[in-house]
Amino acid sequence: MQFPHLKRPTLKRMTYLSLFSVYIALCLNIAFFHQVLSLFPLNSARNILVFCTMPVVLFCVINSVVTLASLVKLDRLVIVLFILVSASAQYFILTYGIVVDRSMIANMLDTTPSETFALLTPQMALTLLFSGVFMSILALWVRVKDAAPLRRIVYRTASTLACVIMVLIVAALFYKDYASLFRNNKELVKAINPSNSITAGWSWYVHNRDDNLPLVKIGEDAHLNPLMRQGKKNLTILVVGETSRADDFSLGGYARQTNPELAKQDVVYFPHTTSCGTATAISVPCMFSNMPRDRYNEGLAHHQEGVLDIIQRAGIQVLWNENDGGCKGACDRVPHQDITQLNLPGQCIDGECYDEVLFHGLEEYIDKLSGNGVIVLHTIGSHGPTYYNRYPPQFRKFTPTCDTNQIQTCTSEQLTNTYDNTILYVDHIVSKAIDVLKAHQDNFTTSLVYLSDHGESLGEDGVYLHGLPYRIAPDTQKHVPMLLWLSDDYQKRYSVDKACLTKRATQDASQDNLFSTLLGLTGTQTSEYISADDLMATCRGRAL
């Protein structure tokens, strides 16, 4: 008995690309849509419209990519790869609730054969067979008919342009909703296929490529200035702020009194300070590096020493207390501790703690310091969108507040009130750090620096939170608060002209200044030190 040969169906190129783009966008993103529905209730006409635009945006992005790939005849290969990685990722997300990120890629590569076989189930085989393998074979089997050369260009251009216009329309209408949803639920983007697997794979490659490079040492000539060895020991506290923007600091002219405690501490405030980046992952390693923002190399920063390494090499004891999810490499080679792991009663809720926890055990540590010391307190500060969780109830001074992570649903007044309450608490934390130093002035000559990593948008021009590309980010995300506090003993001992320093504070400053300012403040001498970058250099009566 003979069976007739199956006739291969034929599709026009643009139809072929569109159909498989629809399949990937809809059928292989069920896990994503499921997560969205659990976080984004369809309880209003607007929310329903926002949800309905999501598959449209996904289709447009995927279709544009495969259309561009068709220009070099790689569209079939790209579609097959997209289907296979998307089907696999979706199965594991739905079945095991995994998050597709760099660490998951590492886990996959480290999986032993026995562990791999343990995951092989009939359900997995059937799911991947039909959603991945079968559809990939279909994508390769279908005949594709191309139009005449001129029409090919016209069709591809029209298709790509239409997708771009559609995405721009969605962005114009629903940017706030998208921004809030993805900012409030950062893991959600890791459920979008196939971008999650592609991004995770690339991140894994970049991370491991940098890890395999040798550590670049800087400031190997570091030593302590003899002046810092005479008399009392020296102690400096550096408070690294988080998401605190300068616009809401009353020390810089903000109409509201958001810095009542610091206003009494005789600090020198630098009102014209800019950040290196608009996100912690950029700004923190940048401010501790010897690279200025215009020449900052993120890849190099991952395997190069920073200012804390140099200070430690000079014989100064360094401690980093963490309350913001990690130092982004800045503290990797100095003693550091994540205070949130202590889960202190009354201070920590669901893995997040008030910044007061940073002082836990600090007095005892200072009492035991055998030499000069630098203590870094990395705060969670004003990190959003859950601003209302950043301060204890007694700091809820400005009301009404925005007590939700859906910040786009709050009025401007509510959002500003809540954010300003976080600044009130930041003011308290920095002032408390100064009080700690004052309490130890019999044994130490003390000083303090406060510098936030980046600013924040609070709905101005429809923009919320932070992280926009630096070149287009609003000033609210780049304008950060910075201040210095020097004990009377420090000013006298090292001949610091306070009036001169106050005058210097009226000029422009940036996170680029932190590196050399810390070296100068602690008396660390090295060829890496740049006097012009040291905010105190011109105001000292004697060189440090």
Protein backbone atom coordinates (compact mmCIF):
# COMPACT_ATOMS: atom_id res chain seq x y z
CA MET A 1 0.00 0.00 0.00
CA GLN A 2 1.44 3.31 -1.01
CA PHE A 3 0.87 6.62 0.78
CA PRO A 4 0.83 9.82 -1.22
CA HIS A 5 3.61 12.26 -0.41
CA LEU A 6 2.53 15.05 1.86
CA LYS A 7 2.47 18.28 -0.07
CA ARG A 8 4.47 21.06 1.62
CA PRO A 9 2.31 24.14 2.15
CA THR A 10 3.56 27.39 0.69
CA LEU A 11 3.30 30.75 2.42
CA LYS A 12 4.30 34.22 1.37
CA ARG A 13 7.34 35.42 3.34
CA MET A 14 5.57 38.11 5.33
CA THR A 15 2.67 35.78 6.13
CA TYR A 16 5.13 33.13 7.28
CA LEU A 17 6.93 35.58 9.54
CA SER A 18 3.70 36.97 10.95
CA LEU A 19 2.15 33.58 11.75
CA PHE A 20 5.16 32.29 13.66
CA SER A 21 5.58 35.62 15.41
CA VAL A 22 1.98 35.33 16.59
CA TYR A 23 2.65 31.79 17.82
CA ILE A 24 5.70 32.85 19.84
CA ALA A 25 4.07 36.01 21.17
CA LEU A 26 0.83 34.31 22.25
CA CYS A 27 1.30 30.59 22.78
CA LEU A 28 4.83 30.67 24.16
CA ASN A 29 4.20 33.56 26.54
CA ILE A 30 1.34 32.00 28.49
CA ALA A 31 3.55 31.96 31.58
CA PHE A 32 4.14 35.68 31.22
CA PHE A 33 0.46 36.50 30.75
CA HIS A 34 -0.39 34.31 33.72
CA GLN A 35 2.03 36.23 35.93
CA VAL A 36 0.72 39.55 34.67
CA LEU A 37 -2.85 38.60 35.57
CA SER A 38 -1.78 37.67 39.09
CA LEU A 39 -0.20 41.10 39.55
CA PHE A 40 -2.36 43.33 37.37
CA PRO A 41 -6.08 42.82 38.06
CA LEU A 42 -8.41 43.49 35.14
CA ASN A 43 -10.74 45.56 37.29
CA SER A 44 -11.02 48.57 35.02
CA ALA A 45 -11.37 49.35 31.35
CA ARG A 46 -7.87 50.87 31.33
CA ASN A 47 -6.26 47.80 32.86
CA ILE A 48 -8.04 45.59 30.31
CA LEU A 49 -6.73 47.78 27.49
CA VAL A 50 -3.21 47.68 28.91
CA PHE A 51 -3.31 43.90 29.12
CA CYS A 52 -4.63 43.60 25.56
CA THR A 53 -1.74 45.68 24.23
CA MET A 54 0.86 43.31 25.70
CA PRO A 55 0.58 40.55 23.07
CA VAL A 56 0.54 43.28 20.43
CA VAL A 57 3.83 44.70 21.71
CA LEU A 58 5.35 41.22 21.95
CA PHE A 59 4.26 40.41 18.40
CA CYS A 60 5.67 43.68 17.07
CA VAL A 61 9.05 43.16 18.69
CA ILE A 62 9.38 39.54 17.63
CA ASN A 63 8.10 40.21 14.12
CA SER A 64 10.54 43.09 13.67
CA VAL A 65 13.46 40.90 14.74
CA VAL A 66 12.61 38.00 12.41
CA THR A 67 11.87 40.44 9.58
CA LEU A 68 15.33 41.94 9.95
CA ALA A 69 16.77 38.43 10.09
CA SER A 70 15.07 37.64 6.79
CA LEU A 71 17.21 40.27 5.11
CA VAL A 72 20.18 37.93 5.51
CA LYS A 73 18.12 34.74 5.10
CA LEU A 74 18.36 33.78 8.77
CA ASP A 75 14.67 34.11 9.58
CA ARG A 76 14.03 30.35 9.70
CA LEU A 77 16.97 29.77 12.02
CA VAL A 78 15.95 32.64 14.31
CA ILE A 79 12.33 31.44 14.44
CA VAL A 80 13.40 27.89 15.30
CA LEU A 81 15.74 29.11 18.03
CA PHE A 82 13.05 31.40 19.43
CA ILE A 83 10.53 28.54 19.50
CA LEU A 84 12.86 26.05 21.15
CA VAL A 85 14.17 28.34 23.90
CA SER A 86 10.73 29.82 24.51
CA ALA A 87 8.99 26.46 24.76
CA SER A 88 11.64 25.14 27.15
CA ALA A 89 11.63 28.24 29.33
CA GLN A 90 7.85 28.34 29.48
CA TYR A 91 7.63 24.71 30.56
CA PHE A 92 10.04 25.19 33.45
CA ILE A 93 8.46 28.48 34.52
CA LEU A 94 4.97 26.96 34.61
CA THR A 95 6.05 23.68 36.14
CA TYR A 96 8.69 24.73 38.65
CA GLY A 97 8.15 28.45 39.02
CA ILE A 98 11.75 29.21 38.05
CA VAL A 99 13.10 32.61 37.11
CA VAL A 100 15.10 32.68 33.91
CA ASP A 101 18.17 34.71 34.79
CA ARG A 102 21.95 34.42 34.85
CA SER A 103 22.01 32.23 37.93
CA MET A 104 19.53 29.83 36.34
CA ILE A 105 21.75 29.54 33.29
CA ALA A 106 24.66 28.74 35.61
CA ASN A 107 22.52 26.13 37.38
CA MET A 108 21.66 24.52 34.06
CA LEU A 109 25.29 24.32 33.02
CA ASP A 110 26.29 22.89 36.39
CA THR A 111 23.56 20.25 36.38
CA THR A 112 24.87 16.68 36.52
CA PRO A 113 23.57 13.97 34.15
CA SER A 114 21.60 12.33 36.97
CA GLU A 115 19.92 15.61 37.82
CA THR A 116 19.09 16.15 34.17
CA PHE A 117 17.50 12.74 33.83
CA ALA A 118 15.49 13.36 36.99
CA LEU A 119 13.81 16.26 35.20
CA LEU A 120 12.81 14.18 32.21
CA THR A 121 9.14 13.30 32.60
CA PRO A 122 6.40 12.27 30.16
CA GLN A 123 4.77 15.66 30.70
CA MET A 124 8.00 17.43 29.79
CA ALA A 125 8.54 15.26 26.74
CA LEU A 126 5.00 15.78 25.42
CA THR A 127 4.98 19.50 26.14
CA LEU A 128 8.29 20.20 24.48
CA LEU A 129 7.51 17.80 21.64
CA PHE A 130 4.36 19.61 20.59
CA SER A 131 5.08 23.22 21.61
CA GLY A 132 8.75 23.21 20.62
CA VAL A 133 9.99 20.41 18.41
CA PHE A 134 6.87 19.96 16.29
CA MET A 135 6.47 23.70 15.66
CA SER A 136 10.17 24.01 14.84
CA ILE A 137 9.90 21.22 12.28
CA LEU A 138 6.83 22.93 10.85
CA ALA A 139 8.75 26.20 10.55
CA LEU A 140 11.46 24.40 8.57
CA TRP A 141 9.06 22.34 6.48
CA VAL A 142 6.82 25.09 5.15
CA ARG A 143 7.80 26.46 1.78
CA VAL A 144 8.28 30.21 1.69
CA LYS A 145 7.60 32.29 -1.38
CA ASP A 146 9.34 35.60 -1.76
CA ALA A 147 8.06 38.57 -3.68
CA ALA A 148 10.03 40.38 -6.35
CA PRO A 149 13.19 42.12 -5.05
CA LEU A 150 11.67 45.62 -4.92
CA ARG A 151 8.50 44.40 -3.24
CA ARG A 152 10.55 42.48 -0.65
CA ILE A 153 12.14 45.72 0.50
CA VAL A 154 8.81 47.55 0.50
CA TYR A 155 7.01 44.79 2.45
CA ARG A 156 9.75 44.44 5.05
CA THR A 157 10.06 48.18 5.51
CA ALA A 158 6.30 48.62 5.82
CA SER A 159 6.01 45.74 8.30
CA THR A 160 8.84 47.00 10.51
CA LEU A 161 7.61 50.60 10.37
CA ALA A 162 4.07 49.54 11.27
CA CYS A 163 5.38 47.64 14.30
CA VAL A 164 7.48 50.59 15.44
CA ILE A 165 4.50 52.93 15.15
CA MET A 166 2.29 50.51 17.07
CA VAL A 167 4.80 50.23 19.93
CA LEU A 168 5.16 54.02 20.07
CA ILE A 169 1.38 54.42 20.27
CA VAL A 170 1.17 51.93 23.14
CA ALA A 171 4.03 53.71 24.92
CA ALA A 172 2.35 57.08 24.51
CA LEU A 173 -0.96 55.82 25.89
CA PHE A 174 0.14 53.43 28.63
CA TYR A 175 3.74 54.21 29.60
CA LYS A 176 2.88 54.87 33.26
CA ASP A 177 1.05 51.56 33.57
CA TYR A 178 3.86 49.58 31.97
CA ALA A 179 6.53 51.40 33.98
CA SER A 180 4.75 50.81 37.27
CA LEU A 181 4.02 47.15 36.58
CA PHE A 182 7.57 46.25 35.58
CA ARG A 183 9.29 48.48 38.14
CA ASN A 184 7.19 47.08 40.96
CA ASN A 185 7.71 43.51 39.76
CA LYS A 186 11.23 43.36 38.40
CA GLU A 187 11.16 39.59 37.99
CA LEU A 188 8.22 39.83 35.58
CA VAL A 189 10.43 40.71 32.64
CA LYS A 190 12.24 37.40 33.17
CA ALA A 191 9.06 35.58 32.15
CA ILE A 192 8.95 37.14 28.68
CA ASN A 193 10.00 34.72 25.96
CA PRO A 194 12.39 34.56 24.25
CA SER A 195 14.10 37.70 25.58
CA ASN A 196 14.53 36.19 29.06
CA SER A 197 16.71 33.33 27.82
CA ILE A 198 18.69 35.55 25.46
CA THR A 199 19.32 38.18 28.13
CA ALA A 200 20.20 35.60 30.78
CA GLY A 201 22.58 33.80 28.46
CA TRP A 202 24.34 37.00 27.48
CA SER A 203 24.52 38.12 31.11
CA TRP A 204 26.05 34.81 32.10
CA TYR A 205 28.65 35.10 29.36
CA VAL A 206 29.60 38.66 30.25
CA HIS A 207 29.71 37.92 33.97
CA ASN A 208 31.89 34.87 33.60
CA ARG A 209 34.11 36.51 31.01
CA ASP A 210 34.88 39.28 33.50
CA ASP A 211 35.28 36.85 36.38
CA ASN A 212 37.97 34.97 34.50
CA LEU A 213 40.05 38.08 34.00
CA PRO A 214 42.78 38.72 36.57
CA LEU A 215 42.14 41.33 39.25
CA VAL A 216 43.61 44.67 38.26
CA LYS A 217 45.33 46.21 41.27
CA ILE A 218 45.60 49.95 41.69
CA GLY A 219 47.28 52.10 44.31
CA GLU A 220 49.81 49.47 45.28
CA ASP A 221 52.01 52.27 46.62
CA ALA A 222 49.37 53.23 49.19
CA HIS A 223 50.56 54.22 52.64
CA LEU A 224 49.27 56.30 55.52
CA ASN A 225 50.33 59.92 55.89
CA PRO A 226 52.54 60.28 58.99
CA LEU A 227 50.17 62.97 60.30
CA MET A 228 47.47 60.31 60.56
CA ARG A 229 49.71 58.14 62.71
CA GLN A 230 50.25 60.74 65.39
CA GLY A 231 47.94 61.17 68.37
CA LYS A 232 44.40 59.85 68.35
CA LYS A 233 43.14 57.27 65.89
CA ASN A 234 41.01 58.47 62.99
CA LEU A 235 37.51 57.22 62.15
CA THR A 236 35.46 58.03 59.05
CA ILE A 237 31.91 56.91 58.30
CA LEU A 238 30.72 56.92 54.69
CA VAL A 239 26.94 56.69 54.32
CA VAL A 240 26.00 55.55 50.82
CA GLY A 241 22.47 56.70 50.09
CA GLU A 242 19.93 54.94 47.90
CA THR A 243 17.53 56.74 45.55
CA SER A 244 17.61 59.97 47.53
CA ARG A 245 17.28 62.91 45.21
CA ALA A 246 18.72 66.32 45.99
CA ASP A 247 15.55 68.14 44.96
CA ASP A 248 13.87 67.04 48.21
CA PHE A 249 16.69 67.95 50.61
CA SER A 250 15.89 71.10 52.58
CA LEU A 251 19.65 71.54 53.07
CA GLY A 252 19.70 72.40 49.37
CA GLY A 253 16.79 74.82 49.46
CA TYR A 254 13.74 72.54 49.30
CA ALA A 255 10.81 74.42 50.85
CA ARG A 256 9.80 71.58 53.17
CA GLN A 257 11.88 70.89 56.25
CA THR A 258 13.10 67.40 55.37
CA ASN A 259 16.49 67.72 57.10
CA PRO A 260 15.68 69.03 60.57
CA GLU A 261 18.34 66.96 62.36
CA LEU A 262 21.18 67.53 59.90
CA ALA A 263 20.43 71.26 59.94
CA LYS A 264 21.69 71.22 63.53
CA GLN A 265 24.84 69.19 62.83
CA ASP A 266 26.99 71.87 61.17
CA VAL A 267 27.41 69.89 57.95
CA VAL A 268 28.76 71.19 54.65
CA TYR A 269 26.20 70.44 51.93
CA PHE A 270 27.07 70.25 48.23
CA PRO A 271 23.87 71.26 46.39
CA HIS A 272 25.19 70.84 42.84
CA THR A 273 26.22 67.19 42.83
CA THR A 274 25.58 64.77 39.97
CA SER A 275 25.66 60.99 39.87
CA CYS A 276 27.64 58.63 37.68
CA GLY A 277 24.56 56.67 36.68
CA THR A 278 20.83 56.38 37.26
CA ALA A 279 20.91 52.91 38.83
CA THR A 280 22.76 51.41 41.79
CA ALA A 281 24.55 48.80 39.66
CA ILE A 282 26.29 51.60 37.78
CA SER A 283 26.65 54.38 40.33
CA VAL A 284 28.01 52.42 43.29
CA PRO A 285 30.94 50.69 41.57
CA CYS A 286 31.57 53.89 39.60
CA MET A 287 31.81 56.16 42.64
CA PHE A 288 34.27 53.79 44.34
CA SER A 289 36.40 53.42 41.20
CA ASN A 290 39.21 55.63 39.92
CA MET A 291 37.34 56.12 36.65
CA PRO A 292 35.35 59.33 36.05
CA ARG A 293 31.86 58.98 34.63
CA ASP A 294 32.84 59.98 31.08
CA ARG A 295 35.45 57.19 31.00
CA TYR A 296 33.75 54.65 33.22
CA ASN A 297 34.11 51.06 32.02
CA GLU A 298 31.63 48.76 33.76
CA GLY A 299 33.39 45.61 32.60
CA LEU A 300 36.74 46.80 33.95
CA ALA A 301 35.16 47.87 37.25
CA HIS A 302 34.06 44.26 37.83
CA HIS A 303 37.66 43.08 38.10
CA GLN A 304 39.54 46.15 39.26
CA GLU A 305 40.24 47.37 42.77
CA GLY A 306 38.55 50.48 44.11
CA VAL A 307 39.17 53.11 46.72
CA LEU A 308 38.36 50.79 49.65
CA ASP A 309 41.07 48.37 48.52
CA ILE A 310 43.59 51.21 48.49
CA ILE A 311 42.52 52.51 51.90
CA GLN A 312 42.76 49.02 53.36
CA ARG A 313 46.20 48.56 51.81
CA ALA A 314 47.34 51.68 53.63
CA GLY A 315 46.64 49.92 56.94
CA ILE A 316 43.20 51.36 57.66
CA GLN A 317 40.56 48.92 58.90
CA VAL A 318 37.50 48.88 56.64
CA LEU A 319 33.99 47.58 57.35
CA TRP A 320 30.99 47.58 55.00
CA ASN A 321 27.52 47.19 56.55
CA GLU A 322 24.91 46.30 53.93
CA ASN A 323 21.16 47.00 53.89
CA ASP A 324 20.48 47.37 50.17
CA GLY A 325 20.95 44.02 48.48
CA GLY A 326 24.66 44.14 47.77
CA CYS A 327 27.63 46.41 47.22
CA LYS A 328 27.89 45.66 43.48
CA GLY A 329 31.51 44.59 43.86
CA ALA A 330 32.71 47.66 45.75
CA CYS A 331 33.21 45.73 49.01
CA ASP A 332 34.23 42.32 47.67
CA ARG A 333 37.76 42.42 49.11
CA VAL A 334 37.10 44.19 52.41
CA PRO A 335 35.24 42.90 55.49
CA HIS A 336 31.51 43.23 54.88
CA GLN A 337 28.28 41.95 56.36
CA ASP A 338 24.68 41.92 55.20
CA ILE A 339 22.78 43.15 58.24
CA THR A 340 19.43 42.11 56.77
CA GLN A 341 20.42 38.48 57.33
CA LEU A 342 20.11 39.07 61.07
CA ASN A 343 16.36 39.62 60.61
CA LEU A 344 16.22 41.81 63.70
CA PRO A 345 12.77 41.90 65.37
CA GLY A 346 10.92 45.17 64.85
CA GLN A 347 13.43 46.28 62.20
CA CYS A 348 12.97 43.82 59.35
CA ILE A 349 9.82 42.83 57.47
CA ASP A 350 9.77 40.28 54.64
CA GLY A 351 13.52 40.49 54.11
CA GLU A 352 13.70 44.30 54.07
CA CYS A 353 14.91 46.35 57.02
CA TYR A 354 14.83 49.92 58.19
CA ASP A 355 18.25 51.54 57.93
CA GLU A 356 18.48 51.65 61.71
CA VAL A 357 19.77 48.06 61.51
CA LEU A 358 23.06 49.34 60.11
CA PHE A 359 24.00 50.48 63.61
CA HIS A 360 23.58 47.00 65.08
CA GLY A 361 26.84 46.10 66.84
CA LEU A 362 28.54 49.23 65.52
CA GLU A 363 29.44 50.67 68.92
CA GLU A 364 31.15 47.42 69.94
CA TYR A 365 33.03 47.31 66.65
CA ILE A 366 34.31 50.87 67.11
CA ASP A 367 35.36 50.17 70.68
CA LYS A 368 37.53 47.31 69.44
CA LEU A 369 39.20 49.22 66.59
CA SER A 370 42.95 48.96 67.05
CA GLY A 371 43.82 51.57 64.45
CA ASN A 372 42.32 54.03 62.00
CA GLY A 373 38.99 52.95 60.53
CA VAL A 374 36.53 53.53 57.69
CA ILE A 375 32.96 52.28 58.06
CA VAL A 376 30.58 52.22 55.09
CA LEU A 377 26.84 52.13 55.75
CA HIS A 378 24.96 51.17 52.58
CA THR A 379 21.38 52.24 53.15
CA ILE A 380 18.14 51.27 51.46
CA GLY A 381 17.25 54.94 51.83
CA SER A 382 14.41 56.08 49.59
CA HIS A 383 14.18 53.04 47.35
CA GLY A 384 10.83 52.72 45.62
CA PRO A 385 8.24 51.96 44.69
CA THR A 386 7.31 50.92 48.24
CA TYR A 387 8.41 54.21 49.73
CA TYR A 388 5.98 53.76 52.61
CA ASN A 389 8.04 50.77 53.83
CA ARG A 390 11.25 52.78 54.11
CA TYR A 391 10.52 54.55 57.39
CA PRO A 392 9.06 53.67 60.80
CA PRO A 393 5.59 55.03 61.67
CA GLN A 394 6.96 57.94 63.70
CA PHE A 395 8.47 59.45 60.54
CA ARG A 396 5.10 59.63 58.78
CA LYS A 397 5.05 63.40 59.12
CA PHE A 398 3.74 64.43 55.71
CA THR A 399 0.24 63.14 54.93
CA PRO A 400 -1.74 61.83 53.12
CA THR A 401 0.67 59.14 51.95
CA CYS A 402 0.86 56.68 49.08
CA ASP A 403 0.73 53.35 50.87
CA THR A 404 0.90 51.11 47.82
CA ASN A 405 3.43 49.98 45.25
CA GLN A 406 1.05 51.07 42.50
CA ILE A 407 2.46 54.56 42.74
CA GLN A 408 0.94 55.74 39.47
CA THR A 409 -2.49 55.46 41.11
CA CYS A 410 -1.56 57.92 43.86
CA THR A 411 -1.95 61.66 43.62
CA SER A 412 1.15 63.79 43.23
CA GLU A 413 0.62 65.06 46.77
CA GLN A 414 0.44 61.55 48.24
CA LEU A 415 3.53 60.37 46.38
CA THR A 416 5.57 63.44 47.30
CA ASN A 417 4.51 63.19 50.94
CA THR A 418 5.57 59.56 51.15
CA TYR A 419 8.89 60.18 49.45
CA ASP A 420 9.61 63.17 51.66
CA ASN A 421 8.99 60.98 54.69
CA THR A 422 11.78 58.71 53.45
CA ILE A 423 14.08 61.75 53.28
CA LEU A 424 13.14 62.60 56.86
CA TYR A 425 14.30 59.14 57.87
CA VAL A 426 17.49 59.46 55.80
CA ASP A 427 18.12 62.70 57.67
CA HIS A 428 17.72 60.83 60.95
CA ILE A 429 20.06 58.00 59.92
CA VAL A 430 22.87 60.30 58.77
CA SER A 431 22.47 62.47 61.85
CA LYS A 432 22.61 59.37 64.04
CA ALA A 433 25.86 58.34 62.34
CA ILE A 434 27.29 61.75 63.23
CA ASP A 435 26.13 61.30 66.83
CA VAL A 436 27.90 57.92 66.94
CA LEU A 437 31.11 59.62 65.85
CA LYS A 438 30.64 62.38 68.43
CA ALA A 439 30.25 59.76 71.14
CA HIS A 440 33.72 58.41 70.31
CA GLN A 441 35.60 61.68 69.96
CA ASP A 442 37.69 61.00 73.05
CA ASN A 443 39.42 58.17 71.22
CA PHE A 444 39.04 59.17 67.56
CA THR A 445 39.35 62.16 65.26
CA THR A 446 36.12 61.80 63.30
CA SER A 447 34.57 62.68 59.95
CA LEU A 448 31.62 61.65 57.78
CA VAL A 449 30.58 61.69 54.13
CA TYR A 450 27.06 61.14 52.81
CA LEU A 451 26.45 60.58 49.11
CA SER A 452 23.42 59.07 47.40
CA ASP A 453 23.86 56.73 44.44
CA HIS A 454 21.22 58.28 42.17
CA GLY A 455 18.01 60.28 42.27
CA GLU A 456 14.39 59.48 41.50
CA SER A 457 11.46 60.55 39.35
CA LEU A 458 8.15 61.05 41.11
CA GLY A 459 5.81 61.30 38.15
CA GLU A 460 7.26 64.43 36.58
CA ASP A 461 6.41 64.33 32.87
CA GLY A 462 4.86 60.92 33.46
CA VAL A 463 8.19 59.37 34.53
CA TYR A 464 8.52 57.32 37.71
CA LEU A 465 11.37 55.69 39.65
CA HIS A 466 14.83 55.67 38.01
CA GLY A 467 17.13 53.82 35.63
CA LEU A 468 16.58 55.74 32.40
CA PRO A 469 19.61 55.96 30.10
CA TYR A 470 21.83 58.74 31.40
CA ARG A 471 21.68 60.81 28.25
CA ILE A 472 17.88 61.09 28.39
CA ALA A 473 17.28 60.76 32.13
CA PRO A 474 15.75 63.81 33.83
CA ASP A 475 17.89 65.76 36.28
CA THR A 476 15.84 64.39 39.19
CA GLN A 477 17.50 61.01 38.55
CA LYS A 478 21.01 62.48 38.32
CA HIS A 479 20.96 65.29 40.90
CA VAL A 480 22.01 63.74 44.21
CA PRO A 481 22.63 64.96 47.76
CA MET A 482 26.15 64.98 49.19
CA LEU A 483 27.49 66.38 52.45
CA LEU A 484 30.58 66.40 54.65
CA TRP A 485 30.81 66.57 58.42
CA LEU A 486 34.14 67.18 60.13
CA SER A 487 34.56 67.20 63.87
CA ASP A 488 36.13 70.28 65.42
CA ASP A 489 39.10 68.09 66.27
CA TYR A 490 39.51 67.05 62.61
CA GLN A 491 39.36 70.65 61.40
CA LYS A 492 41.91 71.80 63.97
CA ARG A 493 44.23 68.80 63.74
CA TYR A 494 44.48 68.89 59.94
CA SER A 495 44.05 72.65 59.48
CA VAL A 496 40.84 72.53 57.45
CA ASP A 497 39.38 75.95 56.67
CA LYS A 498 35.63 75.51 57.16
CA ALA A 499 34.79 78.80 55.40
CA CYS A 500 36.83 77.68 52.38
CA LEU A 501 35.06 74.33 52.33
CA THR A 502 31.67 76.04 52.50
CA LYS A 503 32.63 78.16 49.51
CA ARG A 504 33.84 75.10 47.59
CA ALA A 505 30.44 73.49 48.24
CA THR A 506 28.73 76.15 46.11
CA GLN A 507 30.55 74.86 43.03
CA ASP A 508 29.76 71.81 40.92
CA ALA A 509 30.60 68.37 42.30
CA SER A 510 29.95 64.79 41.30
CA GLN A 511 30.46 61.21 42.37
CA ASP A 512 33.79 61.44 40.56
CA ASN A 513 35.02 63.42 43.57
CA LEU A 514 34.45 60.64 46.09
CA PHE A 515 37.55 58.58 45.21
CA SER A 516 40.18 61.24 45.89
CA THR A 517 38.16 62.94 48.62
CA LEU A 518 38.12 59.70 50.64
CA LEU A 519 41.84 59.21 50.07
CA GLY A 520 42.55 62.72 51.25
CA LEU A 521 40.08 62.54 54.15
CA THR A 522 41.69 59.37 55.50
CA GLY A 523 45.28 60.44 54.80
CA THR A 524 45.86 57.66 52.29
CA GLN A 525 48.77 58.63 50.05
CA THR A 526 49.03 57.04 46.62
CA SER A 527 49.79 57.97 43.03
CA GLU A 528 46.11 57.32 42.28
CA TYR A 529 45.15 60.42 44.28
CA ILE A 530 44.14 63.44 42.18
CA SER A 531 44.24 66.67 44.13
CA ALA A 532 41.85 68.46 41.77
CA ASP A 533 39.17 65.86 42.52
CA ASP A 534 39.55 66.12 46.30
CA LEU A 535 36.81 68.43 47.55
CA MET A 536 38.94 69.38 50.56
CA ALA A 537 42.33 69.78 48.89
CA THR A 538 42.29 73.57 48.52
CA CYS A 539 40.96 74.07 52.03
CA ARG A 540 43.71 72.33 54.00
CA GLY A 541 46.45 74.26 55.67
CA ARG A 542 48.74 71.24 55.48
CA ALA A 543 48.92 68.51 52.84
CA LEU A 544 47.52 65.07 53.58
